[in-house]
């Protein structure tokens, strides 16, 4: 199952981002980095709320879901 998830994540041309309940990144793909021009270190350094507030990434589904929890 993990290899299937990895394949989907790595072959998608859509930027994909998965975070934990606190907003910290768990998984993301290269397409996300290409779309946002952000680095691995940037993505790994911020919770989704901070990245959205800094306007580094658009308000994503992940951020919206976490706001309503």
C-alpha atoms as a PDB file:
ATOM      1  CA  UNK A   1       0.000   0.000   0.000  1.00  0.00           C
ATOM      2  CA  UNK A   2       2.837   2.378   0.824  1.00  0.00           C
ATOM      3  CA  UNK A   3       4.380   1.897  -2.621  1.00  0.00           C
ATOM      4  CA  UNK A   4       1.027   2.711  -4.244  1.00  0.00           C
ATOM      5  CA  UNK A   5       0.771   5.911  -2.223  1.00  0.00           C
ATOM      6  CA  UNK A   6       4.345   6.784  -3.100  1.00  0.00           C
ATOM      7  CA  UNK A   7       3.667   6.189  -6.806  1.00  0.00           C
ATOM      8  CA  UNK A   8       0.565   8.385  -6.780  1.00  0.00           C
ATOM      9  CA  UNK A   9       2.361  11.126  -4.895  1.00  0.00           C
ATOM     10  CA  UNK A  10       5.455  11.115  -7.086  1.00  0.00           C
ATOM     11  CA  UNK A  11       3.781  10.790 -10.479  1.00  0.00           C
ATOM     12  CA  UNK A  12       1.029  13.361  -9.985  1.00  0.00           C
ATOM     13  CA  UNK A  13       1.403  16.629 -11.828  1.00  0.00           C
ATOM     14  CA  UNK A  14      -0.798  18.218  -9.156  1.00  0.00           C
ATOM     15  CA  UNK A  15       0.862  19.670  -6.104  1.00  0.00           C
ATOM     16  CA  UNK A  16      -0.041  17.410  -3.197  1.00  0.00           C
ATOM     17  CA  UNK A  17       0.417  18.197   0.470  1.00  0.00           C
ATOM     18  CA  UNK A  18      -0.552  16.169   3.528  1.00  0.00           C
ATOM     19  CA  UNK A  19      -0.156  17.495   7.042  1.00  0.00           C
ATOM     20  CA  UNK A  20      -0.833  16.248  10.535  1.00  0.00           C
ATOM     21  CA  UNK A  21      -3.570  17.655  12.762  1.00  0.00           C
ATOM     22  CA  UNK A  22      -1.251  20.437  13.926  1.00  0.00           C
ATOM     23  CA  UNK A  23      -0.478  21.566  10.367  1.00  0.00           C
ATOM     24  CA  UNK A  24       3.041  20.155  10.117  1.00  0.00           C
ATOM     25  CA  UNK A  25       3.901  18.542   6.768  1.00  0.00           C
ATOM     26  CA  UNK A  26       3.927  14.761   6.573  1.00  0.00           C
ATOM     27  CA  UNK A  27       4.065  14.251   2.799  1.00  0.00           C
ATOM     28  CA  UNK A  28       4.319  16.468  -0.244  1.00  0.00           C
ATOM     29  CA  UNK A  29       5.481  15.991  -3.794  1.00  0.00           C
ATOM     30  CA  UNK A  30       7.904  17.635  -6.190  1.00  0.00           C
ATOM     31  CA  UNK A  31       5.013  19.135  -8.168  1.00  0.00           C
ATOM     32  CA  UNK A  32       4.098  21.216  -5.105  1.00  0.00           C
ATOM     33  CA  UNK A  33       7.650  22.528  -4.895  1.00  0.00           C
ATOM     34  CA  UNK A  34       7.686  23.352  -8.608  1.00  0.00           C
ATOM     35  CA  UNK A  35       4.294  25.098  -8.443  1.00  0.00           C
ATOM     36  CA  UNK A  36       5.199  27.215  -5.420  1.00  0.00           C
ATOM     37  CA  UNK A  37       8.944  27.679  -6.075  1.00  0.00           C
ATOM     38  CA  UNK A  38       9.560  26.643  -2.479  1.00  0.00           C
ATOM     39  CA  UNK A  39      12.332  24.426  -1.160  1.00  0.00           C
ATOM     40  CA  UNK A  40      12.131  21.264   0.906  1.00  0.00           C
ATOM     41  CA  UNK A  41      13.637  23.154   3.843  1.00  0.00           C
ATOM     42  CA  UNK A  42      10.977  25.883   3.647  1.00  0.00           C
ATOM     43  CA  UNK A  43       8.083  23.406   3.504  1.00  0.00           C
ATOM     44  CA  UNK A  44       9.557  21.425   6.399  1.00  0.00           C
ATOM     45  CA  UNK A  45      10.098  24.552   8.517  1.00  0.00           C
ATOM     46  CA  UNK A  46       6.565  25.903   8.690  1.00  0.00           C
ATOM     47  CA  UNK A  47       3.114  24.744   9.683  1.00  0.00           C
ATOM     48  CA  UNK A  48       0.537  25.269   6.966  1.00  0.00           C
ATOM     49  CA  UNK A  49      -1.009  28.260   8.779  1.00  0.00           C
ATOM     50  CA  UNK A  50       2.290  30.153   8.781  1.00  0.00           C
ATOM     51  CA  UNK A  51       3.001  29.409   5.131  1.00  0.00           C
ATOM     52  CA  UNK A  52      -0.481  30.646   4.151  1.00  0.00           C
ATOM     53  CA  UNK A  53      -0.155  33.745   6.342  1.00  0.00           C
ATOM     54  CA  UNK A  54       3.202  34.545   4.707  1.00  0.00           C
ATOM     55  CA  UNK A  55       1.435  34.114   1.346  1.00  0.00           C
ATOM     56  CA  UNK A  56       4.047  31.520   0.377  1.00  0.00           C
ATOM     57  CA  UNK A  57       1.287  29.052  -0.483  1.00  0.00           C
ATOM     58  CA  UNK A  58      -2.366  29.569  -1.310  1.00  0.00           C
ATOM     59  CA  UNK A  59      -4.988  28.729   1.296  1.00  0.00           C
ATOM     60  CA  UNK A  60      -5.142  24.997   0.782  1.00  0.00           C
ATOM     61  CA  UNK A  61      -7.770  22.430   1.637  1.00  0.00           C
ATOM     62  CA  UNK A  62      -5.518  21.285   4.473  1.00  0.00           C
ATOM     63  CA  UNK A  63      -5.541  24.746   6.042  1.00  0.00           C
ATOM     64  CA  UNK A  64      -9.312  25.069   5.668  1.00  0.00           C
ATOM     65  CA  UNK A  65      -9.964  21.663   7.227  1.00  0.00           C
ATOM     66  CA  UNK A  66      -7.664  22.404  10.165  1.00  0.00           C
ATOM     67  CA  UNK A  67      -9.441  25.721  10.795  1.00  0.00           C
ATOM     68  CA  UNK A  68     -12.762  23.964  11.125  1.00  0.00           C
ATOM     69  CA  UNK A  69     -11.664  21.078  13.362  1.00  0.00           C
END
